[in-house]
Amino acid sequence: AAVRLVDAIRASRSSSGEELLPHGAVCHSFTGTRADLDHLLSVAGMTIGLNGCSLRTELNVRVAAAVPIDRLMLETDCPWCELKPTHASRALLTATAAQMRDHDAMTYVKKEKW
């Protein structure tokens, strides 16, 4: 999907002669590979959005660590994309076990549909 998106952006830019993303763009909830990340970052103004869904696996965490800080957007997406105990990223949190329990008691509530 990243390749198709970047190709579409480049095709639009070349046919119009104008910058397609003059105000930038965000790749929301990024879960791609390192190749996908590099491809997206090749577009000027593209920011990479990360949230809990972006940090589920060890591979996701390694790719997320490669996002340049000036191209990173931290997304909360609350309450649907939080860091869950089953996510690989959970091991990287520095909160104490008691703080995690307190946080989890507040986080895992019934999520109403809009």
PDB file of N, CA and C in Angstrom:
ATOM      1  N   ALA A   1       0.822  -1.197   0.000  1.00  0.00           N
ATOM      2  CA  ALA A   1       0.000   0.000   0.000  1.00  0.00           C
ATOM      3  C   ALA A   1       0.865   1.259   0.000  1.00  0.00           C
ATOM      4  N   ALA A   2       2.001   1.219   0.691  1.00  0.00           N
ATOM      5  CA  ALA A   2       2.874   2.393   0.752  1.00  0.00           C
ATOM      6  C   ALA A   2       3.413   2.743  -0.625  1.00  0.00           C
ATOM      7  N   VAL A   3       3.784   1.735  -1.386  1.00  0.00           N
ATOM      8  CA  VAL A   3       4.321   1.977  -2.726  1.00  0.00           C
ATOM      9  C   VAL A   3       3.255   2.610  -3.610  1.00  0.00           C
ATOM     10  N   ARG A   4       2.035   2.073  -3.557  1.00  0.00           N
ATOM     11  CA  ARG A   4       0.954   2.634  -4.379  1.00  0.00           C
ATOM     12  C   ARG A   4       0.645   4.068  -3.972  1.00  0.00           C
ATOM     13  N   LEU A   5       0.647   4.348  -2.678  1.00  0.00           N
ATOM     14  CA  LEU A   5       0.378   5.707  -2.206  1.00  0.00           C
ATOM     15  C   LEU A   5       1.441   6.677  -2.699  1.00  0.00           C
ATOM     16  N   VAL A   6       2.690   6.322  -2.529  1.00  0.00           N
ATOM     17  CA  VAL A   6       3.776   7.200  -2.962  1.00  0.00           C
ATOM     18  C   VAL A   6       3.761   7.374  -4.475  1.00  0.00           C
ATOM     19  N   ASP A   7       3.506   6.297  -5.201  1.00  0.00           N
ATOM     20  CA  ASP A   7       3.424   6.403  -6.664  1.00  0.00           C
ATOM     21  C   ASP A   7       2.301   7.348  -7.077  1.00  0.00           C
ATOM     22  N   ALA A   8       1.154   7.269  -6.402  1.00  0.00           N
ATOM     23  CA  ALA A   8       0.028   8.160  -6.714  1.00  0.00           C
ATOM     24  C   ALA A   8       0.382   9.614  -6.413  1.00  0.00           C
ATOM     25  N   ILE A   9       1.069   9.847  -5.307  1.00  0.00           N
ATOM     26  CA  ILE A   9       1.486  11.210  -4.959  1.00  0.00           C
ATOM     27  C   ILE A   9       2.441  11.749  -6.013  1.00  0.00           C
ATOM     28  N   ARG A  10       3.410  10.939  -6.398  1.00  0.00           N
ATOM     29  CA  ARG A  10       4.391  11.393  -7.396  1.00  0.00           C
ATOM     30  C   ARG A  10       3.749  11.614  -8.755  1.00  0.00           C
ATOM     31  N   ALA A  11       2.821  10.765  -9.141  1.00  0.00           N
ATOM     32  CA  ALA A  11       2.138  10.926 -10.434  1.00  0.00           C
ATOM     33  C   ALA A  11       1.308  12.200 -10.443  1.00  0.00           C
ATOM     34  N   SER A  12       0.629  12.478  -9.363  1.00  0.00           N
ATOM     35  CA  SER A  12      -0.183  13.695  -9.277  1.00  0.00           C
ATOM     36  C   SER A  12       0.691  14.932  -9.313  1.00  0.00           C
ATOM     37  N   ARG A  13       1.812  14.867  -8.641  1.00  0.00           N
ATOM     38  CA  ARG A  13       2.731  16.001  -8.606  1.00  0.00           C
ATOM     39  C   ARG A  13       3.305  16.268  -9.992  1.00  0.00           C
ATOM     40  N   SER A  14       3.680  15.215 -10.694  1.00  0.00           N
ATOM     41  CA  SER A  14       4.319  15.425 -11.992  1.00  0.00           C
ATOM     42  C   SER A  14       3.308  15.885 -13.049  1.00  0.00           C
ATOM     43  N   SER A  15       2.063  15.449 -12.958  1.00  0.00           N
ATOM     44  CA  SER A  15       1.097  15.853 -13.976  1.00  0.00           C
ATOM     45  C   SER A  15       0.609  17.287 -13.769  1.00  0.00           C
ATOM     46  N   SER A  16       0.544  17.730 -12.534  1.00  0.00           N
ATOM     47  CA  SER A  16       0.046  19.085 -12.267  1.00  0.00           C
ATOM     48  C   SER A  16       1.169  20.111 -12.213  1.00  0.00           C
ATOM     49  N   GLY A  17       2.380  19.636 -11.945  1.00  0.00           N
ATOM     50  CA  GLY A  17       3.498  20.557 -11.810  1.00  0.00           C
ATOM     51  C   GLY A  17       3.533  21.271 -10.471  1.00  0.00           C
ATOM     52  N   GLU A  18       2.540  21.039  -9.627  1.00  0.00           N
ATOM     53  CA  GLU A  18       2.497  21.680  -8.311  1.00  0.00           C
ATOM     54  C   GLU A  18       2.744  20.647  -7.224  1.00  0.00           C
ATOM     55  N   GLU A  19       3.190  21.148  -6.099  1.00  0.00           N
ATOM     56  CA  GLU A  19       3.389  20.315  -4.923  1.00  0.00           C
ATOM     57  C   GLU A  19       2.047  19.776  -4.464  1.00  0.00           C
ATOM     58  N   LEU A  20       1.904  18.454  -4.380  1.00  0.00           N
ATOM     59  CA  LEU A  20       0.627  17.865  -3.983  1.00  0.00           C
ATOM     60  C   LEU A  20       0.383  18.004  -2.484  1.00  0.00           C
ATOM     61  N   LEU A  21       1.435  17.965  -1.697  1.00  0.00           N
ATOM     62  CA  LEU A  21       1.305  18.022  -0.236  1.00  0.00           C
ATOM     63  C   LEU A  21       1.949  19.292   0.318  1.00  0.00           C
ATOM     64  N   PRO A  22       1.473  20.459  -0.074  1.00  0.00           N
ATOM     65  CA  PRO A  22       2.127  21.683   0.391  1.00  0.00           C
ATOM     66  C   PRO A  22       2.049  21.873   1.900  1.00  0.00           C
ATOM     67  N   HIS A  23       1.075  21.248   2.541  1.00  0.00           N
ATOM     68  CA  HIS A  23       0.931  21.358   3.996  1.00  0.00           C
ATOM     69  C   HIS A  23       1.309  20.064   4.699  1.00  0.00           C
ATOM     70  N   GLY A  24       1.828  19.113   3.964  1.00  0.00           N
ATOM     71  CA  GLY A  24       2.240  17.843   4.534  1.00  0.00           C
ATOM     72  C   GLY A  24       1.107  16.840   4.599  1.00  0.00           C
ATOM     73  N   ALA A  25       1.416  15.662   5.119  1.00  0.00           N
ATOM     74  CA  ALA A  25       0.439  14.592   5.270  1.00  0.00           C
ATOM     75  C   ALA A  25       0.902  13.662   6.384  1.00  0.00           C
ATOM     76  N   VAL A  26      -0.033  12.881   6.896  1.00  0.00           N
ATOM     77  CA  VAL A  26       0.280  11.905   7.940  1.00  0.00           C
ATOM     78  C   VAL A  26      -0.135  10.527   7.454  1.00  0.00           C
ATOM     79  N   CYS A  27       0.759   9.581   7.545  1.00  0.00           N
ATOM     80  CA  CYS A  27       0.414   8.182   7.321  1.00  0.00           C
ATOM     81  C   CYS A  27      -0.069   7.672   8.679  1.00  0.00           C
ATOM     82  N   HIS A  28      -1.379   7.624   8.849  1.00  0.00           N
ATOM     83  CA  HIS A  28      -2.023   7.312  10.123  1.00  0.00           C
ATOM     84  C   HIS A  28      -1.862   5.838  10.499  1.00  0.00           C
ATOM     85  N   SER A  29      -1.551   5.593  11.772  1.00  0.00           N
ATOM     86  CA  SER A  29      -1.511   4.246  12.339  1.00  0.00           C
ATOM     87  C   SER A  29      -0.592   3.322  11.532  1.00  0.00           C
ATOM     88  N   PHE A  30       0.612   3.784  11.267  1.00  0.00           N
ATOM     89  CA  PHE A  30       1.560   3.058  10.425  1.00  0.00           C
ATOM     90  C   PHE A  30       1.920   1.705  11.035  1.00  0.00           C
ATOM     91  N   THR A  31       1.817   0.643  10.231  1.00  0.00           N
ATOM     92  CA  THR A  31       2.189  -0.705  10.669  1.00  0.00           C
ATOM     93  C   THR A  31       3.020  -1.428   9.615  1.00  0.00           C
ATOM     94  N   GLY A  32       3.647  -0.678   8.733  1.00  0.00           N
ATOM     95  CA  GLY A  32       4.366  -1.285   7.618  1.00  0.00           C
ATOM     96  C   GLY A  32       5.766  -1.759   7.951  1.00  0.00           C
ATOM     97  N   THR A  33       6.440  -2.182   6.910  1.00  0.00           N
ATOM     98  CA  THR A  33       7.811  -2.682   7.005  1.00  0.00           C
ATOM     99  C   THR A  33       8.799  -1.516   6.948  1.00  0.00           C
ATOM    100  N   ARG A  34      10.064  -1.830   7.121  1.00  0.00           N
ATOM    101  CA  ARG A  34      11.101  -0.799   7.001  1.00  0.00           C
ATOM    102  C   ARG A  34      11.141  -0.267   5.567  1.00  0.00           C
ATOM    103  N   ALA A  35      10.937  -1.130   4.585  1.00  0.00           N
ATOM    104  CA  ALA A  35      10.906  -0.673   3.187  1.00  0.00           C
ATOM    105  C   ALA A  35       9.731   0.280   2.972  1.00  0.00           C
ATOM    106  N   ASP A  36       8.571  -0.033   3.553  1.00  0.00           N
ATOM    107  CA  ASP A  36       7.413   0.865   3.459  1.00  0.00           C
ATOM    108  C   ASP A  36       7.740   2.211   4.096  1.00  0.00           C
ATOM    109  N   LEU A  37       8.364   2.172   5.263  1.00  0.00           N
ATOM    110  CA  LEU A  37       8.732   3.406   5.963  1.00  0.00           C
ATOM    111  C   LEU A  37       9.657   4.253   5.097  1.00  0.00           C
ATOM    112  N   ASP A  38      10.691   3.647   4.559  1.00  0.00           N
ATOM    113  CA  ASP A  38      11.642   4.395   3.731  1.00  0.00           C
ATOM    114  C   ASP A  38      10.954   4.986   2.502  1.00  0.00           C
ATOM    115  N   HIS A  39      10.046   4.226   1.929  1.00  0.00           N
ATOM    116  CA  HIS A  39       9.321   4.709   0.749  1.00  0.00           C
ATOM    117  C   HIS A  39       8.464   5.928   1.112  1.00  0.00           C
ATOM    118  N   LEU A  40       7.738   5.856   2.221  1.00  0.00           N
ATOM    119  CA  LEU A  40       6.909   6.984   2.654  1.00  0.00           C
ATOM    120  C   LEU A  40       7.759   8.200   2.997  1.00  0.00           C
ATOM    121  N   LEU A  41       8.892   7.973   3.656  1.00  0.00           N
ATOM    122  CA  LEU A  41       9.756   9.089   4.046  1.00  0.00           C
ATOM    123  C   LEU A  41      10.430   9.748   2.850  1.00  0.00           C
ATOM    124  N   SER A  42      10.402   9.096   1.694  1.00  0.00           N
ATOM    125  CA  SER A  42      10.979   9.706   0.497  1.00  0.00           C
ATOM    126  C   SER A  42      10.096  10.838  -0.038  1.00  0.00           C
ATOM    127  N   VAL A  43       8.885  10.954   0.496  1.00  0.00           N
ATOM    128  CA  VAL A  43       7.966  12.021   0.098  1.00  0.00           C
ATOM    129  C   VAL A  43       8.143  13.196   1.050  1.00  0.00           C
ATOM    130  N   ALA A  44       8.503  14.354   0.508  1.00  0.00           N
ATOM    131  CA  ALA A  44       8.672  15.552   1.341  1.00  0.00           C
ATOM    132  C   ALA A  44       7.360  15.874   2.030  1.00  0.00           C
ATOM    133  N   GLY A  45       7.428  16.136   3.324  1.00  0.00           N
ATOM    134  CA  GLY A  45       6.246  16.525   4.075  1.00  0.00           C
ATOM    135  C   GLY A  45       5.458  15.378   4.670  1.00  0.00           C
ATOM    136  N   MET A  46       5.844  14.133   4.396  1.00  0.00           N
ATOM    137  CA  MET A  46       5.119  12.980   4.943  1.00  0.00           C
ATOM    138  C   MET A  46       5.574  12.740   6.381  1.00  0.00           C
ATOM    139  N   THR A  47       4.599  12.647   7.274  1.00  0.00           N
ATOM    140  CA  THR A  47       4.838  12.353   8.682  1.00  0.00           C
ATOM    141  C   THR A  47       4.295  10.957   8.960  1.00  0.00           C
ATOM    142  N   ILE A  48       4.939  10.237   9.866  1.00  0.00           N
ATOM    143  CA  ILE A  48       4.526   8.880  10.196  1.00  0.00           C
ATOM    144  C   ILE A  48       3.824   8.890  11.549  1.00  0.00           C
ATOM    145  N   GLY A  49       2.568   8.481  11.558  1.00  0.00           N
ATOM    146  CA  GLY A  49       1.784   8.436  12.786  1.00  0.00           C
ATOM    147  C   GLY A  49       1.862   7.059  13.428  1.00  0.00           C
ATOM    148  N   LEU A  50       2.213   7.040  14.724  1.00  0.00           N
ATOM    149  CA  LEU A  50       2.293   5.781  15.470  1.00  0.00           C
ATOM    150  C   LEU A  50       1.335   5.817  16.650  1.00  0.00           C
ATOM    151  N   ASN A  51       0.705   4.687  16.914  1.00  0.00           N
ATOM    152  CA  ASN A  51      -0.161   4.528  18.079  1.00  0.00           C
ATOM    153  C   ASN A  51      -0.003   3.100  18.584  1.00  0.00           C
ATOM    154  N   GLY A  52      -0.852   2.681  19.504  1.00  0.00           N
ATOM    155  CA  GLY A  52      -0.741   1.330  20.046  1.00  0.00           C
ATOM    156  C   GLY A  52      -0.821   0.250  18.986  1.00  0.00           C
ATOM    157  N   CYS A  53      -1.657   0.447  17.989  1.00  0.00           N
ATOM    158  CA  CYS A  53      -1.781  -0.531  16.901  1.00  0.00           C
ATOM    159  C   CYS A  53      -0.482  -0.636  16.105  1.00  0.00           C
ATOM    160  N   SER A  54       0.291   0.417  16.104  1.00  0.00           N
ATOM    161  CA  SER A  54       1.551   0.445  15.364  1.00  0.00           C
ATOM    162  C   SER A  54       2.669  -0.293  16.087  1.00  0.00           C
ATOM    163  N   LEU A  55       2.430  -0.696  17.323  1.00  0.00           N
ATOM    164  CA  LEU A  55       3.491  -1.249  18.163  1.00  0.00           C
ATOM    165  C   LEU A  55       3.142  -2.629  18.715  1.00  0.00           C
ATOM    166  N   ARG A  56       2.416  -3.403  17.950  1.00  0.00           N
ATOM    167  CA  ARG A  56       1.951  -4.712  18.419  1.00  0.00           C
ATOM    168  C   ARG A  56       3.047  -5.764  18.458  1.00  0.00           C
ATOM    169  N   THR A  57       3.888  -5.803  17.438  1.00  0.00           N
ATOM    170  CA  THR A  57       4.870  -6.888  17.306  1.00  0.00           C
ATOM    171  C   THR A  57       6.293  -6.354  17.477  1.00  0.00           C
ATOM    172  N   GLU A  58       7.222  -7.280  17.648  1.00  0.00           N
ATOM    173  CA  GLU A  58       8.634  -6.900  17.729  1.00  0.00           C
ATOM    174  C   GLU A  58       9.077  -6.191  16.453  1.00  0.00           C
ATOM    175  N   LEU A  59       8.629  -6.682  15.302  1.00  0.00           N
ATOM    176  CA  LEU A  59       8.971  -6.037  14.034  1.00  0.00           C
ATOM    177  C   LEU A  59       8.420  -4.617  13.996  1.00  0.00           C
ATOM    178  N   ASN A  60       7.165  -4.428  14.412  1.00  0.00           N
ATOM    179  CA  ASN A  60       6.581  -3.076  14.464  1.00  0.00           C
ATOM    180  C   ASN A  60       7.434  -2.151  15.318  1.00  0.00           C
ATOM    181  N   VAL A  61       7.882  -2.627  16.464  1.00  0.00           N
ATOM    182  CA  VAL A  61       8.673  -1.805  17.380  1.00  0.00           C
ATOM    183  C   VAL A  61      10.007  -1.420  16.738  1.00  0.00           C
ATOM    184  N   ARG A  62      10.653  -2.378  16.070  1.00  0.00           N
ATOM    185  CA  ARG A  62      11.935  -2.076  15.411  1.00  0.00           C
ATOM    186  C   ARG A  62      11.758  -1.053  14.291  1.00  0.00           C
ATOM    187  N   VAL A  63      10.706  -1.189  13.514  1.00  0.00           N
ATOM    188  CA  VAL A  63      10.461  -0.230  12.427  1.00  0.00           C
ATOM    189  C   VAL A  63      10.120   1.145  13.012  1.00  0.00           C
ATOM    190  N   ALA A  64       9.305   1.172  14.056  1.00  0.00           N
ATOM    191  CA  ALA A  64       8.935   2.444  14.690  1.00  0.00           C
ATOM    192  C   ALA A  64      10.164   3.176  15.221  1.00  0.00           C
ATOM    193  N   ALA A  65      11.125   2.428  15.712  1.00  0.00           N
ATOM    194  CA  ALA A  65      12.354   3.043  16.235  1.00  0.00           C
ATOM    195  C   ALA A  65      13.150   3.743  15.137  1.00  0.00           C
ATOM    196  N   ALA A  66      12.890   3.406  13.879  1.00  0.00           N
ATOM    197  CA  ALA A  66      13.621   4.008  12.756  1.00  0.00           C
ATOM    198  C   ALA A  66      12.971   5.291  12.237  1.00  0.00           C
ATOM    199  N   VAL A  67      11.804   5.652  12.765  1.00  0.00           N
ATOM    200  CA  VAL A  67      11.138   6.876  12.297  1.00  0.00           C
ATOM    201  C   VAL A  67      11.913   8.082  12.834  1.00  0.00           C
ATOM    202  N   PRO A  68      12.373   8.965  11.971  1.00  0.00           N
ATOM    203  CA  PRO A  68      13.084  10.160  12.448  1.00  0.00           C
ATOM    204  C   PRO A  68      12.154  11.008  13.327  1.00  0.00           C
ATOM    205  N   ILE A  69      12.682  11.532  14.404  1.00  0.00           N
ATOM    206  CA  ILE A  69      11.871  12.270  15.369  1.00  0.00           C
ATOM    207  C   ILE A  69      11.156  13.457  14.739  1.00  0.00           C
ATOM    208  N   ASP A  70      11.770  14.081  13.740  1.00  0.00           N
ATOM    209  CA  ASP A  70      11.130  15.237  13.097  1.00  0.00           C
ATOM    210  C   ASP A  70      10.052  14.837  12.090  1.00  0.00           C
ATOM    211  N   ARG A  71       9.858  13.532  11.898  1.00  0.00           N
ATOM    212  CA  ARG A  71       8.806  13.036  10.990  1.00  0.00           C
ATOM    213  C   ARG A  71       7.814  12.163  11.737  1.00  0.00           C
ATOM    214  N   LEU A  72       7.835  12.212  13.064  1.00  0.00           N
ATOM    215  CA  LEU A  72       7.020  11.354  13.918  1.00  0.00           C
ATOM    216  C   LEU A  72       5.822  12.104  14.485  1.00  0.00           C
ATOM    217  N   MET A  73       4.652  11.476  14.428  1.00  0.00           N
ATOM    218  CA  MET A  73       3.471  11.999  15.108  1.00  0.00           C
ATOM    219  C   MET A  73       2.956  10.895  16.026  1.00  0.00           C
ATOM    220  N   LEU A  74       2.895  11.187  17.324  1.00  0.00           N
ATOM    221  CA  LEU A  74       2.343  10.222  18.270  1.00  0.00           C
ATOM    222  C   LEU A  74       0.835  10.403  18.309  1.00  0.00           C
ATOM    223  N   GLU A  75       0.126   9.323  18.057  1.00  0.00           N
ATOM    224  CA  GLU A  75      -1.333   9.360  18.009  1.00  0.00           C
ATOM    225  C   GLU A  75      -1.888   8.635  19.230  1.00  0.00           C
ATOM    226  N   THR A  76      -2.922   9.173  19.824  1.00  0.00           N
ATOM    227  CA  THR A  76      -3.541   8.487  20.958  1.00  0.00           C
ATOM    228  C   THR A  76      -4.657   7.561  20.508  1.00  0.00           C
ATOM    229  N   ASP A  77      -5.487   7.992  19.581  1.00  0.00           N
ATOM    230  CA  ASP A  77      -6.598   7.189  19.081  1.00  0.00           C
ATOM    231  C   ASP A  77      -7.419   6.559  20.197  1.00  0.00           C
ATOM    232  N   CYS A  78      -7.460   7.229  21.308  1.00  0.00           N
ATOM    233  CA  CYS A  78      -8.206   6.695  22.443  1.00  0.00           C
ATOM    234  C   CYS A  78      -9.676   6.655  22.136  1.00  0.00           C
ATOM    235  N   PRO A  79     -10.361   5.647  22.574  1.00  0.00           N
ATOM    236  CA  PRO A  79      -9.835   4.527  23.380  1.00  0.00           C
ATOM    237  C   PRO A  79      -9.512   3.277  22.571  1.00  0.00           C
ATOM    238  N   TRP A  80      -9.424   3.354  21.258  1.00  0.00           N
ATOM    239  CA  TRP A  80      -9.325   2.138  20.453  1.00  0.00           C
ATOM    240  C   TRP A  80      -7.919   1.641  20.143  1.00  0.00           C
ATOM    241  N   CYS A  81      -6.910   2.437  20.187  1.00  0.00           N
ATOM    242  CA  CYS A  81      -5.567   1.976  19.787  1.00  0.00           C
ATOM    243  C   CYS A  81      -4.532   2.187  20.882  1.00  0.00           C
ATOM    244  N   GLU A  82      -4.877   1.823  22.088  1.00  0.00           N
ATOM    245  CA  GLU A  82      -3.948   1.972  23.205  1.00  0.00           C
ATOM    246  C   GLU A  82      -2.885   0.872  23.175  1.00  0.00           C
ATOM    247  N   LEU A  83      -1.849   1.029  24.001  1.00  0.00           N
ATOM    248  CA  LEU A  83      -0.860  -0.030  24.168  1.00  0.00           C
ATOM    249  C   LEU A  83      -1.489  -1.089  25.067  1.00  0.00           C
ATOM    250  N   LYS A  84      -1.596  -2.301  24.578  1.00  0.00           N
ATOM    251  CA  LYS A  84      -2.237  -3.376  25.327  1.00  0.00           C
ATOM    252  C   LYS A  84      -1.187  -4.295  25.937  1.00  0.00           C
ATOM    253  N   PRO A  85      -1.549  -5.012  26.987  1.00  0.00           N
ATOM    254  CA  PRO A  85      -0.588  -5.930  27.617  1.00  0.00           C
ATOM    255  C   PRO A  85      -0.043  -6.983  26.655  1.00  0.00           C
ATOM    256  N   THR A  86      -0.776  -7.286  25.600  1.00  0.00           N
ATOM    257  CA  THR A  86      -0.333  -8.295  24.632  1.00  0.00           C
ATOM    258  C   THR A  86       0.612  -7.736  23.571  1.00  0.00           C
ATOM    259  N   HIS A  87       0.801  -6.435  23.525  1.00  0.00           N
ATOM    260  CA  HIS A  87       1.673  -5.819  22.522  1.00  0.00           C
ATOM    261  C   HIS A  87       3.144  -5.933  22.926  1.00  0.00           C
ATOM    262  N   ALA A  88       3.995  -6.140  21.949  1.00  0.00           N
ATOM    263  CA  ALA A  88       5.434  -6.237  22.196  1.00  0.00           C
ATOM    264  C   ALA A  88       5.976  -4.972  22.841  1.00  0.00           C
ATOM    265  N   SER A  89       5.392  -3.838  22.518  1.00  0.00           N
ATOM    266  CA  SER A  89       5.871  -2.555  23.055  1.00  0.00           C
ATOM    267  C   SER A  89       5.642  -2.424  24.549  1.00  0.00           C
ATOM    268  N   ARG A  90       4.760  -3.214  25.098  1.00  0.00           N
ATOM    269  CA  ARG A  90       4.452  -3.100  26.533  1.00  0.00           C
ATOM    270  C   ARG A  90       5.705  -3.317  27.388  1.00  0.00           C
ATOM    271  N   ALA A  91       6.588  -4.190  26.957  1.00  0.00           N
ATOM    272  CA  ALA A  91       7.820  -4.480  27.700  1.00  0.00           C
ATOM    273  C   ALA A  91       8.750  -3.279  27.777  1.00  0.00           C
ATOM    274  N   LEU A  92       8.555  -2.297  26.904  1.00  0.00           N
ATOM    275  CA  LEU A  92       9.429  -1.127  26.867  1.00  0.00           C
ATOM    276  C   LEU A  92       8.938   0.008  27.762  1.00  0.00           C
ATOM    277  N   LEU A  93       7.740  -0.116  28.298  1.00  0.00           N
ATOM    278  CA  LEU A  93       7.222   0.934  29.172  1.00  0.00           C
ATOM    279  C   LEU A  93       7.977   0.929  30.486  1.00  0.00           C
ATOM    280  N   THR A  94       8.190   2.095  31.049  1.00  0.00           N
ATOM    281  CA  THR A  94       8.997   2.203  32.264  1.00  0.00           C
ATOM    282  C   THR A  94       8.173   2.373  33.540  1.00  0.00           C
ATOM    283  N   ALA A  95       6.868   2.347  33.436  1.00  0.00           N
ATOM    284  CA  ALA A  95       6.019   2.485  34.622  1.00  0.00           C
ATOM    285  C   ALA A  95       6.168   1.255  35.511  1.00  0.00           C
ATOM    286  N   THR A  96       5.906   1.414  36.794  1.00  0.00           N
ATOM    287  CA  THR A  96       5.967   0.288  37.725  1.00  0.00           C
ATOM    288  C   THR A  96       4.752  -0.603  37.519  1.00  0.00           C
ATOM    289  N   ALA A  97       4.812  -1.800  38.045  1.00  0.00           N
ATOM    290  CA  ALA A  97       3.691  -2.732  37.913  1.00  0.00           C
ATOM    291  C   ALA A  97       2.421  -2.143  38.521  1.00  0.00           C
ATOM    292  N   ALA A  98       2.548  -1.474  39.664  1.00  0.00           N
ATOM    293  CA  ALA A  98       1.377  -0.869  40.308  1.00  0.00           C
ATOM    294  C   ALA A  98       0.783   0.226  39.423  1.00  0.00           C
ATOM    295  N   GLN A  99       1.628   1.041  38.827  1.00  0.00           N
ATOM    296  CA  GLN A  99       1.134   2.090  37.932  1.00  0.00           C
ATOM    297  C   GLN A  99       0.438   1.489  36.724  1.00  0.00           C
ATOM    298  N   MET A 100       0.976   0.397  36.207  1.00  0.00           N
ATOM    299  CA  MET A 100       0.364  -0.267  35.058  1.00  0.00           C
ATOM    300  C   MET A 100      -1.008  -0.803  35.437  1.00  0.00           C
ATOM    301  N   ARG A 101      -1.124  -1.433  36.608  1.00  0.00           N
ATOM    302  CA  ARG A 101      -2.420  -1.957  37.042  1.00  0.00           C
ATOM    303  C   ARG A 101      -3.427  -0.832  37.182  1.00  0.00           C
ATOM    304  N   ASP A 102      -3.004   0.282  37.783  1.00  0.00           N
ATOM    305  CA  ASP A 102      -3.909   1.412  37.948  1.00  0.00           C
ATOM    306  C   ASP A 102      -4.343   1.954  36.585  1.00  0.00           C
ATOM    307  N   HIS A 103      -3.392   2.070  35.670  1.00  0.00           N
ATOM    308  CA  HIS A 103      -3.696   2.572  34.333  1.00  0.00           C
ATOM    309  C   HIS A 103      -4.645   1.617  33.610  1.00  0.00           C
ATOM    310  N   ASP A 104      -4.349   0.311  33.680  1.00  0.00           N
ATOM    311  CA  ASP A 104      -5.167  -0.668  32.981  1.00  0.00           C
ATOM    312  C   ASP A 104      -6.599  -0.683  33.496  1.00  0.00           C
ATOM    313  N   ALA A 105      -6.774  -0.452  34.774  1.00  0.00           N
ATOM    314  CA  ALA A 105      -8.130  -0.432  35.332  1.00  0.00           C
ATOM    315  C   ALA A 105      -8.943   0.696  34.713  1.00  0.00           C
ATOM    316  N   MET A 106      -8.273   1.784  34.367  1.00  0.00           N
ATOM    317  CA  MET A 106      -8.972   2.918  33.766  1.00  0.00           C
ATOM    318  C   MET A 106      -9.094   2.763  32.247  1.00  0.00           C
ATOM    319  N   THR A 107      -8.157   2.075  31.634  1.00  0.00           N
ATOM    320  CA  THR A 107      -8.100   1.997  30.184  1.00  0.00           C
ATOM    321  C   THR A 107      -9.124   1.021  29.606  1.00  0.00           C
ATOM    322  N   TYR A 108      -9.235  -0.131  30.174  1.00  0.00           N
ATOM    323  CA  TYR A 108     -10.063  -1.168  29.584  1.00  0.00           C
ATOM    324  C   TYR A 108     -11.501  -1.058  30.064  1.00  0.00           C
ATOM    325  N   VAL A 109     -12.205  -0.199  29.409  1.00  0.00           N
ATOM    326  CA  VAL A 109     -13.633   0.009  29.676  1.00  0.00           C
ATOM    327  C   VAL A 109     -14.382  -0.277  28.382  1.00  0.00           C
ATOM    328  N   LYS A 110     -15.676  -0.433  28.486  1.00  0.00           N
ATOM    329  CA  LYS A 110     -16.477  -0.692  27.296  1.00  0.00           C
ATOM    330  C   LYS A 110     -16.339   0.481  26.340  1.00  0.00           C
ATOM    331  N   LYS A 111     -16.014   0.181  25.109  1.00  0.00           N
ATOM    332  CA  LYS A 111     -15.812   1.217  24.103  1.00  0.00           C
ATOM    333  C   LYS A 111     -17.076   1.336  23.279  1.00  0.00           C
ATOM    334  N   GLU A 112     -17.741   2.440  23.452  1.00  0.00           N
ATOM    335  CA  GLU A 112     -19.006   2.676  22.745  1.00  0.00           C
ATOM    336  C   GLU A 112     -18.723   3.033  21.295  1.00  0.00           C
ATOM    337  N   LYS A 113     -19.634   2.648  20.421  1.00  0.00           N
ATOM    338  CA  LYS A 113     -19.533   3.038  19.014  1.00  0.00           C
ATOM    339  C   LYS A 113     -20.139   4.421  18.852  1.00  0.00           C
ATOM    340  N   TRP A 114     -19.620   5.172  17.929  1.00  0.00           N
ATOM    341  CA  TRP A 114     -20.127   6.526  17.699  1.00  0.00           C
ATOM    342  C   TRP A 114     -21.317   6.473  16.793  1.00  0.00           C
TER     343      TRP A 114
END
